Amino acid sequence: MRAALAEAQAFIQKNPERARQIEAKYLGFSGPRFPTLTLDIQPADFEFFVKIGGELGLVRKPIDTSRLILKQ
Protein backbone atom coordinates (compact mmCIF):
# COMPACT_ATOMS: atom_id res chain seq x y z
CA MET A 1 0.00 0.00 0.00
CA ARG A 2 2.74 2.45 0.93
CA ALA A 3 4.61 1.66 -2.29
CA ALA A 4 1.48 2.42 -4.32
CA LEU A 5 0.99 5.73 -2.49
CA ALA A 6 4.64 6.66 -3.05
CA GLU A 7 4.27 5.85 -6.75
CA ALA A 8 1.12 8.00 -6.95
CA GLN A 9 2.86 10.92 -5.24
CA ALA A 10 5.78 10.71 -7.67
CA PHE A 11 3.38 10.63 -10.63
CA ILE A 12 1.50 13.71 -9.37
CA GLN A 13 4.75 15.63 -8.88
CA LYS A 14 6.01 14.75 -12.37
CA ASN A 15 2.65 15.10 -14.15
CA PRO A 16 0.50 17.68 -12.33
CA GLU A 17 -1.68 18.52 -15.35
CA ARG A 18 -2.38 14.85 -16.11
CA ALA A 19 -3.10 14.26 -12.42
CA ARG A 20 -5.66 17.10 -12.51
CA GLN A 21 -7.33 15.53 -15.54
CA ILE A 22 -7.58 12.19 -13.73
CA GLU A 23 -8.88 13.91 -10.60
CA ALA A 24 -11.58 15.72 -12.59
CA LYS A 25 -12.58 12.54 -14.43
CA TYR A 26 -13.06 10.39 -11.33
CA LEU A 27 -14.09 12.99 -8.73
CA GLY A 28 -16.04 15.31 -10.98
CA PHE A 29 -13.88 18.31 -10.02
CA SER A 30 -10.28 19.38 -9.74
CA GLY A 31 -9.14 21.05 -6.53
CA PRO A 32 -7.11 24.27 -6.52
CA ARG A 33 -4.03 22.41 -5.26
CA PHE A 34 -2.97 18.94 -4.27
CA PRO A 35 -2.78 18.14 -0.54
CA THR A 36 0.57 17.74 1.16
CA LEU A 37 0.97 14.12 2.17
CA THR A 38 3.58 12.14 4.01
CA LEU A 39 4.02 8.39 4.14
CA ASP A 40 6.07 8.49 7.34
CA ILE A 41 4.21 7.01 10.30
CA GLN A 42 5.08 7.91 13.88
CA PRO A 43 3.85 6.29 17.11
CA ALA A 44 2.14 9.59 18.00
CA ASP A 45 -0.09 9.15 14.91
CA PHE A 46 -1.84 6.27 16.72
CA GLU A 47 -2.21 7.88 20.14
CA PHE A 48 -5.53 9.57 19.29
CA PHE A 49 -7.08 6.26 18.26
CA VAL A 50 -5.74 4.44 21.32
CA LYS A 51 -7.13 7.19 23.56
CA ILE A 52 -10.58 7.07 21.93
CA GLY A 53 -10.53 3.27 22.10
CA GLY A 54 -9.83 3.52 25.82
CA GLU A 55 -12.65 6.01 26.35
CA LEU A 56 -15.05 3.69 24.52
CA GLY A 57 -13.90 0.66 26.49
CA LEU A 58 -12.41 -1.02 23.43
CA VAL A 59 -8.83 -0.78 24.67
CA ARG A 60 -8.45 -2.21 28.14
CA LYS A 61 -4.67 -2.34 28.51
CA PRO A 62 -1.95 0.17 27.70
CA ILE A 63 -0.71 -0.06 24.12
CA ASP A 64 2.87 0.66 23.12
CA THR A 65 2.17 2.53 19.88
CA SER A 66 5.79 2.12 18.75
CA ARG A 67 5.05 -1.60 18.31
CA LEU A 68 2.26 -0.86 15.82
CA ILE A 69 4.68 0.22 13.10
CA LEU A 70 6.44 -2.31 10.90
CA LYS A 71 10.08 -1.32 10.58
CA GLN A 72 11.53 -2.21 7.21
PDB file of N, CA and C in Angstrom:
ATOM      1  N   MET A   1       0.824  -1.186   0.000  1.00  0.00           N
ATOM      2  CA  MET A   1       0.000   0.000   0.000  1.00  0.00           C
ATOM      3  C   MET A   1       0.872   1.255   0.000  1.00  0.00           C
ATOM      4  N   ARG A   2       1.871   1.264   0.870  1.00  0.00           N
ATOM      5  CA  ARG A   2       2.743   2.446   0.928  1.00  0.00           C
ATOM      6  C   ARG A   2       3.501   2.637  -0.375  1.00  0.00           C
ATOM      7  N   ALA A   3       3.902   1.544  -1.007  1.00  0.00           N
ATOM      8  CA  ALA A   3       4.613   1.660  -2.288  1.00  0.00           C
ATOM      9  C   ALA A   3       3.705   2.262  -3.353  1.00  0.00           C
ATOM     10  N   ALA A   4       2.439   1.869  -3.355  1.00  0.00           N
ATOM     11  CA  ALA A   4       1.480   2.419  -4.320  1.00  0.00           C
ATOM     12  C   ALA A   4       1.258   3.907  -4.074  1.00  0.00           C
ATOM     13  N   LEU A   5       1.163   4.313  -2.810  1.00  0.00           N
ATOM     14  CA  LEU A   5       0.992   5.729  -2.489  1.00  0.00           C
ATOM     15  C   LEU A   5       2.228   6.536  -2.883  1.00  0.00           C
ATOM     16  N   ALA A   6       3.404   5.981  -2.664  1.00  0.00           N
ATOM     17  CA  ALA A   6       4.642   6.662  -3.051  1.00  0.00           C
ATOM     18  C   ALA A   6       4.710   6.821  -4.569  1.00  0.00           C
ATOM     19  N   GLU A   7       4.291   5.787  -5.289  1.00  0.00           N
ATOM     20  CA  GLU A   7       4.265   5.852  -6.754  1.00  0.00           C
ATOM     21  C   GLU A   7       3.282   6.922  -7.229  1.00  0.00           C
ATOM     22  N   ALA A   8       2.125   6.990  -6.590  1.00  0.00           N
ATOM     23  CA  ALA A   8       1.122   7.997  -6.953  1.00  0.00           C
ATOM     24  C   ALA A   8       1.646   9.403  -6.682  1.00  0.00           C
ATOM     25  N   GLN A   9       2.299   9.602  -5.557  1.00  0.00           N
ATOM     26  CA  GLN A   9       2.862  10.920  -5.244  1.00  0.00           C
ATOM     27  C   GLN A   9       3.902  11.334  -6.277  1.00  0.00           C
ATOM     28  N   ALA A  10       4.753  10.410  -6.665  1.00  0.00           N
ATOM     29  CA  ALA A  10       5.779  10.708  -7.665  1.00  0.00           C
ATOM     30  C   ALA A  10       5.133  11.069  -9.002  1.00  0.00           C
ATOM     31  N   PHE A  11       4.083  10.340  -9.383  1.00  0.00           N
ATOM     32  CA  PHE A  11       3.375  10.631 -10.633  1.00  0.00           C
ATOM     33  C   PHE A  11       2.785  12.037 -10.602  1.00  0.00           C
ATOM     34  N   ILE A  12       2.132  12.391  -9.495  1.00  0.00           N
ATOM     35  CA  ILE A  12       1.505  13.712  -9.365  1.00  0.00           C
ATOM     36  C   ILE A  12       2.557  14.813  -9.461  1.00  0.00           C
ATOM     37  N   GLN A  13       3.700  14.612  -8.838  1.00  0.00           N
ATOM     38  CA  GLN A  13       4.752  15.631  -8.875  1.00  0.00           C
ATOM     39  C   GLN A  13       5.333  15.800 -10.276  1.00  0.00           C
ATOM     40  N   LYS A  14       5.454  14.691 -11.014  1.00  0.00           N
ATOM     41  CA  LYS A  14       6.012  14.750 -12.367  1.00  0.00           C
ATOM     42  C   LYS A  14       4.984  15.170 -13.408  1.00  0.00           C
ATOM     43  N   ASN A  15       3.708  14.882 -13.158  1.00  0.00           N
ATOM     44  CA  ASN A  15       2.648  15.100 -14.147  1.00  0.00           C
ATOM     45  C   ASN A  15       1.449  15.818 -13.539  1.00  0.00           C
ATOM     46  N   PRO A  16       1.617  17.027 -13.024  1.00  0.00           N
ATOM     47  CA  PRO A  16       0.505  17.681 -12.330  1.00  0.00           C
ATOM     48  C   PRO A  16      -0.725  17.920 -13.212  1.00  0.00           C
ATOM     49  N   GLU A  17      -0.522  18.269 -14.476  1.00  0.00           N
ATOM     50  CA  GLU A  17      -1.680  18.521 -15.348  1.00  0.00           C
ATOM     51  C   GLU A  17      -2.444  17.233 -15.626  1.00  0.00           C
ATOM     52  N   ARG A  18      -1.723  16.151 -15.874  1.00  0.00           N
ATOM     53  CA  ARG A  18      -2.378  14.854 -16.105  1.00  0.00           C
ATOM     54  C   ARG A  18      -3.082  14.395 -14.832  1.00  0.00           C
ATOM     55  N   ALA A  19      -2.477  14.630 -13.695  1.00  0.00           N
ATOM     56  CA  ALA A  19      -3.100  14.263 -12.420  1.00  0.00           C
ATOM     57  C   ALA A  19      -4.402  15.036 -12.218  1.00  0.00           C
ATOM     58  N   ARG A  20      -4.421  16.308 -12.616  1.00  0.00           N
ATOM     59  CA  ARG A  20      -5.656  17.102 -12.506  1.00  0.00           C
ATOM     60  C   ARG A  20      -6.746  16.561 -13.430  1.00  0.00           C
ATOM     61  N   GLN A  21      -6.361  16.123 -14.618  1.00  0.00           N
ATOM     62  CA  GLN A  21      -7.333  15.527 -15.542  1.00  0.00           C
ATOM     63  C   GLN A  21      -7.940  14.261 -14.938  1.00  0.00           C
ATOM     64  N   ILE A  22      -7.107  13.428 -14.363  1.00  0.00           N
ATOM     65  CA  ILE A  22      -7.580  12.187 -13.734  1.00  0.00           C
ATOM     66  C   ILE A  22      -8.479  12.514 -12.549  1.00  0.00           C
ATOM     67  N   GLU A  23      -8.078  13.482 -11.748  1.00  0.00           N
ATOM     68  CA  GLU A  23      -8.877  13.909 -10.596  1.00  0.00           C
ATOM     69  C   GLU A  23     -10.259  14.368 -11.052  1.00  0.00           C
ATOM     70  N   ALA A  24     -10.297  15.203 -12.086  1.00  0.00           N
ATOM     71  CA  ALA A  24     -11.576  15.716 -12.593  1.00  0.00           C
ATOM     72  C   ALA A  24     -12.441  14.589 -13.155  1.00  0.00           C
ATOM     73  N   LYS A  25     -11.819  13.651 -13.837  1.00  0.00           N
ATOM     74  CA  LYS A  25     -12.575  12.537 -14.434  1.00  0.00           C
ATOM     75  C   LYS A  25     -13.254  11.684 -13.363  1.00  0.00           C
ATOM     76  N   TYR A  26     -12.525  11.326 -12.318  1.00  0.00           N
ATOM     77  CA  TYR A  26     -13.057  10.392 -11.330  1.00  0.00           C
ATOM     78  C   TYR A  26     -13.771  11.051 -10.152  1.00  0.00           C
ATOM     79  N   LEU A  27     -13.434  12.306  -9.852  1.00  0.00           N
ATOM     80  CA  LEU A  27     -14.086  12.986  -8.730  1.00  0.00           C
ATOM     81  C   LEU A  27     -15.128  14.001  -9.185  1.00  0.00           C
ATOM     82  N   GLY A  28     -15.084  14.345 -10.462  1.00  0.00           N
ATOM     83  CA  GLY A  28     -16.037  15.315 -10.983  1.00  0.00           C
ATOM     84  C   GLY A  28     -15.599  16.754 -10.758  1.00  0.00           C
ATOM     85  N   PHE A  29     -14.429  16.966 -10.226  1.00  0.00           N
ATOM     86  CA  PHE A  29     -13.877  18.310 -10.021  1.00  0.00           C
ATOM     87  C   PHE A  29     -12.366  18.201  -9.858  1.00  0.00           C
ATOM     88  N   SER A  30     -11.716  19.325  -9.973  1.00  0.00           N
ATOM     89  CA  SER A  30     -10.278  19.382  -9.738  1.00  0.00           C
ATOM     90  C   SER A  30     -10.025  20.464  -8.703  1.00  0.00           C
ATOM     91  N   GLY A  31      -9.399  20.109  -7.616  1.00  0.00           N
ATOM     92  CA  GLY A  31      -9.138  21.052  -6.533  1.00  0.00           C
ATOM     93  C   GLY A  31      -8.115  22.104  -6.931  1.00  0.00           C
ATOM     94  N   PRO A  32      -8.052  23.197  -6.190  1.00  0.00           N
ATOM     95  CA  PRO A  32      -7.111  24.266  -6.519  1.00  0.00           C
ATOM     96  C   PRO A  32      -5.643  23.865  -6.343  1.00  0.00           C
ATOM     97  N   ARG A  33      -5.391  22.912  -5.466  1.00  0.00           N
ATOM     98  CA  ARG A  33      -4.029  22.413  -5.262  1.00  0.00           C
ATOM     99  C   ARG A  33      -4.116  21.001  -4.697  1.00  0.00           C
ATOM    100  N   PHE A  34      -3.023  20.288  -4.814  1.00  0.00           N
ATOM    101  CA  PHE A  34      -2.972  18.940  -4.265  1.00  0.00           C
ATOM    102  C   PHE A  34      -2.594  19.017  -2.788  1.00  0.00           C
ATOM    103  N   PRO A  35      -3.125  18.116  -1.967  1.00  0.00           N
ATOM    104  CA  PRO A  35      -2.778  18.139  -0.540  1.00  0.00           C
ATOM    105  C   PRO A  35      -1.329  17.710  -0.321  1.00  0.00           C
ATOM    106  N   THR A  36      -0.767  18.168   0.758  1.00  0.00           N
ATOM    107  CA  THR A  36       0.568  17.745   1.156  1.00  0.00           C
ATOM    108  C   THR A  36       0.417  16.458   1.958  1.00  0.00           C
ATOM    109  N   LEU A  37       1.080  15.421   1.515  1.00  0.00           N
ATOM    110  CA  LEU A  37       0.965  14.117   2.171  1.00  0.00           C
ATOM    111  C   LEU A  37       2.343  13.624   2.591  1.00  0.00           C
ATOM    112  N   THR A  38       2.358  12.813   3.605  1.00  0.00           N
ATOM    113  CA  THR A  38       3.584  12.144   4.014  1.00  0.00           C
ATOM    114  C   THR A  38       3.269  10.671   4.260  1.00  0.00           C
ATOM    115  N   LEU A  39       4.205   9.823   3.926  1.00  0.00           N
ATOM    116  CA  LEU A  39       4.024   8.388   4.144  1.00  0.00           C
ATOM    117  C   LEU A  39       4.721   7.922   5.418  1.00  0.00           C
ATOM    118  N   ASP A  40       5.404   8.834   6.079  1.00  0.00           N
ATOM    119  CA  ASP A  40       6.066   8.488   7.337  1.00  0.00           C
ATOM    120  C   ASP A  40       5.021   8.342   8.437  1.00  0.00           C
ATOM    121  N   ILE A  41       5.137   7.275   9.199  1.00  0.00           N
ATOM    122  CA  ILE A  41       4.215   7.014  10.301  1.00  0.00           C
ATOM    123  C   ILE A  41       5.003   7.073  11.602  1.00  0.00           C
ATOM    124  N   GLN A  42       4.458   7.773  12.566  1.00  0.00           N
ATOM    125  CA  GLN A  42       5.085   7.908  13.877  1.00  0.00           C
ATOM    126  C   GLN A  42       4.160   7.308  14.938  1.00  0.00           C
ATOM    127  N   PRO A  43       4.706   6.822  16.042  1.00  0.00           N
ATOM    128  CA  PRO A  43       3.853   6.293  17.112  1.00  0.00           C
ATOM    129  C   PRO A  43       2.785   7.288  17.561  1.00  0.00           C
ATOM    130  N   ALA A  44       3.108   8.568  17.569  1.00  0.00           N
ATOM    131  CA  ALA A  44       2.141   9.588  17.996  1.00  0.00           C
ATOM    132  C   ALA A  44       0.910   9.619  17.088  1.00  0.00           C
ATOM    133  N   ASP A  45       1.051   9.168  15.839  1.00  0.00           N
ATOM    134  CA  ASP A  45      -0.085   9.145  14.913  1.00  0.00           C
ATOM    135  C   ASP A  45      -1.196   8.214  15.392  1.00  0.00           C
ATOM    136  N   PHE A  46      -0.858   7.242  16.232  1.00  0.00           N
ATOM    137  CA  PHE A  46      -1.835   6.273  16.718  1.00  0.00           C
ATOM    138  C   PHE A  46      -2.425   6.637  18.082  1.00  0.00           C
ATOM    139  N   GLU A  47      -1.807   7.575  18.765  1.00  0.00           N
ATOM    140  CA  GLU A  47      -2.214   7.875  20.142  1.00  0.00           C
ATOM    141  C   GLU A  47      -3.668   8.335  20.245  1.00  0.00           C
ATOM    142  N   PHE A  48      -4.133   9.119  19.290  1.00  0.00           N
ATOM    143  CA  PHE A  48      -5.527   9.571  19.293  1.00  0.00           C
ATOM    144  C   PHE A  48      -6.471   8.371  19.283  1.00  0.00           C
ATOM    145  N   PHE A  49      -6.198   7.413  18.408  1.00  0.00           N
ATOM    146  CA  PHE A  49      -7.077   6.260  18.264  1.00  0.00           C
ATOM    147  C   PHE A  49      -7.036   5.363  19.501  1.00  0.00           C
ATOM    148  N   VAL A  50      -5.869   5.221  20.089  1.00  0.00           N
ATOM    149  CA  VAL A  50      -5.741   4.439  21.322  1.00  0.00           C
ATOM    150  C   VAL A  50      -6.518   5.123  22.446  1.00  0.00           C
ATOM    151  N   LYS A  51      -6.417   6.443  22.524  1.00  0.00           N
ATOM    152  CA  LYS A  51      -7.131   7.191  23.562  1.00  0.00           C
ATOM    153  C   LYS A  51      -8.643   7.035  23.398  1.00  0.00           C
ATOM    154  N   ILE A  52      -9.144   7.213  22.191  1.00  0.00           N
ATOM    155  CA  ILE A  52     -10.584   7.066  21.932  1.00  0.00           C
ATOM    156  C   ILE A  52     -11.024   5.636  22.226  1.00  0.00           C
ATOM    157  N   GLY A  53     -10.209   4.665  21.815  1.00  0.00           N
ATOM    158  CA  GLY A  53     -10.533   3.272  22.102  1.00  0.00           C
ATOM    159  C   GLY A  53     -10.641   3.020  23.591  1.00  0.00           C
ATOM    160  N   GLY A  54      -9.768   3.643  24.367  1.00  0.00           N
ATOM    161  CA  GLY A  54      -9.835   3.518  25.822  1.00  0.00           C
ATOM    162  C   GLY A  54     -11.095   4.150  26.384  1.00  0.00           C
ATOM    163  N   GLU A  55     -11.448   5.328  25.878  1.00  0.00           N
ATOM    164  CA  GLU A  55     -12.655   6.009  26.355  1.00  0.00           C
ATOM    165  C   GLU A  55     -13.921   5.225  26.020  1.00  0.00           C
ATOM    166  N   LEU A  56     -13.892   4.490  24.925  1.00  0.00           N
ATOM    167  CA  LEU A  56     -15.053   3.691  24.521  1.00  0.00           C
ATOM    168  C   LEU A  56     -15.044   2.288  25.130  1.00  0.00           C
ATOM    169  N   GLY A  57     -14.000   1.971  25.870  1.00  0.00           N
ATOM    170  CA  GLY A  57     -13.903   0.660  26.490  1.00  0.00           C
ATOM    171  C   GLY A  57     -13.420  -0.426  25.547  1.00  0.00           C
ATOM    172  N   LEU A  58     -12.901  -0.037  24.395  1.00  0.00           N
ATOM    173  CA  LEU A  58     -12.411  -1.017  23.426  1.00  0.00           C
ATOM    174  C   LEU A  58     -10.964  -1.412  23.695  1.00  0.00           C
ATOM    175  N   VAL A  59     -10.220  -0.522  24.318  1.00  0.00           N
ATOM    176  CA  VAL A  59      -8.826  -0.777  24.671  1.00  0.00           C
ATOM    177  C   VAL A  59      -8.765  -0.846  26.186  1.00  0.00           C
ATOM    178  N   ARG A  60      -8.408  -2.005  26.693  1.00  0.00           N
ATOM    179  CA  ARG A  60      -8.446  -2.211  28.144  1.00  0.00           C
ATOM    180  C   ARG A  60      -7.075  -2.212  28.793  1.00  0.00           C
ATOM    181  N   LYS A  61      -6.028  -2.328  27.983  1.00  0.00           N
ATOM    182  CA  LYS A  61      -4.666  -2.343  28.505  1.00  0.00           C
ATOM    183  C   LYS A  61      -3.860  -1.270  27.777  1.00  0.00           C
ATOM    184  N   PRO A  62      -2.805  -0.797  28.396  1.00  0.00           N
ATOM    185  CA  PRO A  62      -1.947   0.175  27.700  1.00  0.00           C
ATOM    186  C   PRO A  62      -1.374  -0.435  26.417  1.00  0.00           C
ATOM    187  N   ILE A  63      -1.266   0.385  25.401  1.00  0.00           N
ATOM    188  CA  ILE A  63      -0.715  -0.064  24.122  1.00  0.00           C
ATOM    189  C   ILE A  63       0.549   0.736  23.831  1.00  0.00           C
ATOM    190  N   ASP A  64       1.621   0.024  23.534  1.00  0.00           N
ATOM    191  CA  ASP A  64       2.870   0.661  23.123  1.00  0.00           C
ATOM    192  C   ASP A  64       2.747   0.945  21.628  1.00  0.00           C
ATOM    193  N   THR A  65       2.427   2.193  21.284  1.00  0.00           N
ATOM    194  CA  THR A  65       2.167   2.527  19.883  1.00  0.00           C
ATOM    195  C   THR A  65       3.397   2.354  18.996  1.00  0.00           C
ATOM    196  N   SER A  66       4.583   2.340  19.569  1.00  0.00           N
ATOM    197  CA  SER A  66       5.787   2.124  18.755  1.00  0.00           C
ATOM    198  C   SER A  66       5.825   0.704  18.186  1.00  0.00           C
ATOM    199  N   ARG A  67       5.081  -0.211  18.799  1.00  0.00           N
ATOM    200  CA  ARG A  67       5.052  -1.596  18.311  1.00  0.00           C
ATOM    201  C   ARG A  67       4.022  -1.798  17.201  1.00  0.00           C
ATOM    202  N   LEU A  68       3.271  -0.758  16.865  1.00  0.00           N
ATOM    203  CA  LEU A  68       2.259  -0.863  15.819  1.00  0.00           C
ATOM    204  C   LEU A  68       2.820  -0.576  14.429  1.00  0.00           C
ATOM    205  N   ILE A  69       4.065  -0.172  14.366  1.00  0.00           N
ATOM    206  CA  ILE A  69       4.679   0.218  13.098  1.00  0.00           C
ATOM    207  C   ILE A  69       5.685  -0.838  12.671  1.00  0.00           C
ATOM    208  N   LEU A  70       5.508  -1.344  11.456  1.00  0.00           N
ATOM    209  CA  LEU A  70       6.443  -2.314  10.900  1.00  0.00           C
ATOM    210  C   LEU A  70       7.690  -1.577  10.444  1.00  0.00           C
ATOM    211  N   LYS A  71       8.813  -1.949  10.970  1.00  0.00           N
ATOM    212  CA  LYS A  71      10.079  -1.322  10.583  1.00  0.00           C
ATOM    213  C   LYS A  71      10.693  -2.151   9.467  1.00  0.00           C
ATOM    214  N   GLN A  72      10.985  -1.492   8.370  1.00  0.00           N
ATOM    215  CA  GLN A  72      11.532  -2.214   7.210  1.00  0.00           C
ATOM    216  C   GLN A  72      12.989  -1.937   7.022  1.00  0.00           C
TER     217      GLN A  72
END
